[in-house]
Amino acid sequence: MALFWNFVEAYQKIGKITIHPTKSMIAIAGKTRVAYVIRLGKNFVDVVFPFNKPFTDNLCFHKIAQVPGDQQYNHHLRIQEIDDINKEVKKFMKMSLGEK
């Protein structure tokens, strides 16, 4: 759970967010839902960032998949250590909130 709360704290430093638990995931929302924690493991947190285009030039996402029939691309991130929430990840967190 420490990794999850470190992720939330990193988001809070970027902008105002709220947390919305659902049956199968935890949504992180700014003005809209900007990220989804899809799995919480003992030593990892899996997060999905939905963007309108694929950002393939990065080292943080292990999978980028277009949602069938939609212009949305889900970018999959696995956080295994606190240091995984690095400058590159924070850049995408900021982009998801629409911050410049």
Protein backbone atom coordinates (compact mmCIF):
# COMPACT_ATOMS: atom_id res chain seq x y z
CA MET A 1 0.00 0.00 0.00
CA ALA A 2 2.97 2.33 0.51
CA LEU A 3 3.60 2.44 -3.25
CA PHE A 4 -0.04 3.37 -3.88
CA TRP A 5 0.05 6.22 -1.36
CA ASN A 6 3.37 7.47 -2.76
CA PHE A 7 1.74 7.55 -6.20
CA VAL A 8 -1.25 9.51 -4.81
CA GLU A 9 1.06 11.95 -2.99
CA ALA A 10 3.05 12.52 -6.19
CA TYR A 11 -0.20 13.33 -8.02
CA GLN A 12 -1.30 15.69 -5.23
CA LYS A 13 1.94 17.65 -5.64
CA ILE A 14 1.11 18.15 -9.33
CA GLY A 15 -2.53 19.16 -8.97
CA LYS A 16 -5.80 18.68 -7.15
CA ILE A 17 -7.07 15.11 -7.41
CA THR A 18 -9.72 12.92 -5.87
CA ILE A 19 -9.78 9.16 -5.45
CA HIS A 20 -12.80 7.14 -6.60
CA PRO A 21 -12.83 3.44 -5.69
CA THR A 22 -14.94 1.20 -7.93
CA LYS A 23 -15.60 -2.54 -7.88
CA SER A 24 -12.56 -3.43 -9.94
CA MET A 25 -10.18 -0.45 -9.78
CA ILE A 26 -9.34 2.88 -8.17
CA ALA A 27 -9.84 5.96 -10.34
CA ILE A 28 -7.75 9.08 -9.91
CA ALA A 29 -9.62 12.19 -11.04
CA GLY A 30 -8.81 15.82 -11.65
CA LYS A 31 -11.58 17.54 -13.61
CA THR A 32 -12.16 14.11 -15.19
CA ARG A 33 -10.76 10.67 -14.47
CA VAL A 34 -7.10 10.80 -15.46
CA ALA A 35 -5.62 7.50 -14.28
CA TYR A 36 -6.76 4.12 -13.06
CA VAL A 37 -5.07 1.83 -10.57
CA ILE A 38 -6.06 -1.53 -12.00
CA ARG A 39 -4.07 -3.82 -9.68
CA LEU A 40 -2.56 -3.44 -6.23
CA GLY A 41 -0.07 -6.16 -5.44
CA LYS A 42 2.13 -6.78 -2.45
CA ASN A 43 5.13 -5.25 -4.25
CA PHE A 44 3.61 -3.37 -7.18
CA VAL A 45 0.92 -1.01 -8.41
CA ASP A 46 -0.42 -1.25 -11.98
CA VAL A 47 -1.68 2.04 -13.40
CA VAL A 48 -3.36 2.92 -16.69
CA PHE A 49 -3.24 6.42 -18.16
CA PRO A 50 -5.79 7.07 -20.94
CA PHE A 51 -4.54 9.47 -23.63
CA ASN A 52 -5.92 10.48 -27.04
CA LYS A 53 -2.73 9.43 -28.82
CA PRO A 54 0.02 6.89 -28.21
CA PHE A 55 3.20 8.14 -26.56
CA THR A 56 5.62 5.47 -27.73
CA ASP A 57 8.87 7.36 -27.09
CA ASN A 58 9.25 6.61 -23.37
CA LEU A 59 10.83 4.18 -20.95
CA CYS A 60 8.02 3.95 -18.42
CA PHE A 61 5.07 2.31 -20.20
CA HIS A 62 5.34 -1.43 -20.78
CA LYS A 63 2.19 -1.56 -22.93
CA ILE A 64 0.24 0.93 -25.02
CA ALA A 65 -3.06 -0.30 -26.45
CA GLN A 66 -5.81 1.42 -28.39
CA VAL A 67 -9.29 0.93 -27.01
CA PRO A 68 -11.27 -0.85 -29.76
CA GLY A 69 -13.58 1.53 -31.62
CA ASP A 70 -12.19 4.57 -29.80
CA GLN A 71 -9.45 7.15 -30.17
CA GLN A 72 -8.24 6.40 -26.64
CA TYR A 73 -4.88 4.76 -26.00
CA ASN A 74 -4.32 3.13 -22.63
CA HIS A 75 -0.74 3.46 -21.37
CA HIS A 76 0.17 0.78 -18.82
CA LEU A 77 2.68 1.48 -16.06
CA ARG A 78 3.91 -0.85 -13.32
CA ILE A 79 5.33 0.79 -10.20
CA GLN A 80 7.56 -1.56 -8.20
CA GLU A 81 9.67 0.94 -6.28
CA ILE A 82 9.13 4.49 -5.08
CA ASP A 83 11.87 5.58 -7.51
CA ASP A 84 9.71 4.34 -10.41
CA ILE A 85 7.67 7.53 -9.94
CA ASN A 86 10.43 9.45 -11.68
CA LYS A 87 10.64 12.62 -13.77
CA GLU A 88 9.30 10.90 -16.89
CA VAL A 89 6.31 9.38 -15.06
CA LYS A 90 5.55 12.73 -13.40
CA LYS A 91 5.56 14.36 -16.85
CA PHE A 92 2.80 11.98 -17.96
CA MET A 93 0.92 12.46 -14.68
CA LYS A 94 1.00 16.21 -15.32
CA MET A 95 -0.16 15.71 -18.92
CA SER A 96 -3.06 13.56 -17.74
CA LEU A 97 -4.28 16.39 -15.53
CA GLY A 98 -4.06 18.82 -18.43
CA GLU A 99 -1.39 20.86 -16.64
CA LYS A 100 1.16 22.66 -18.77
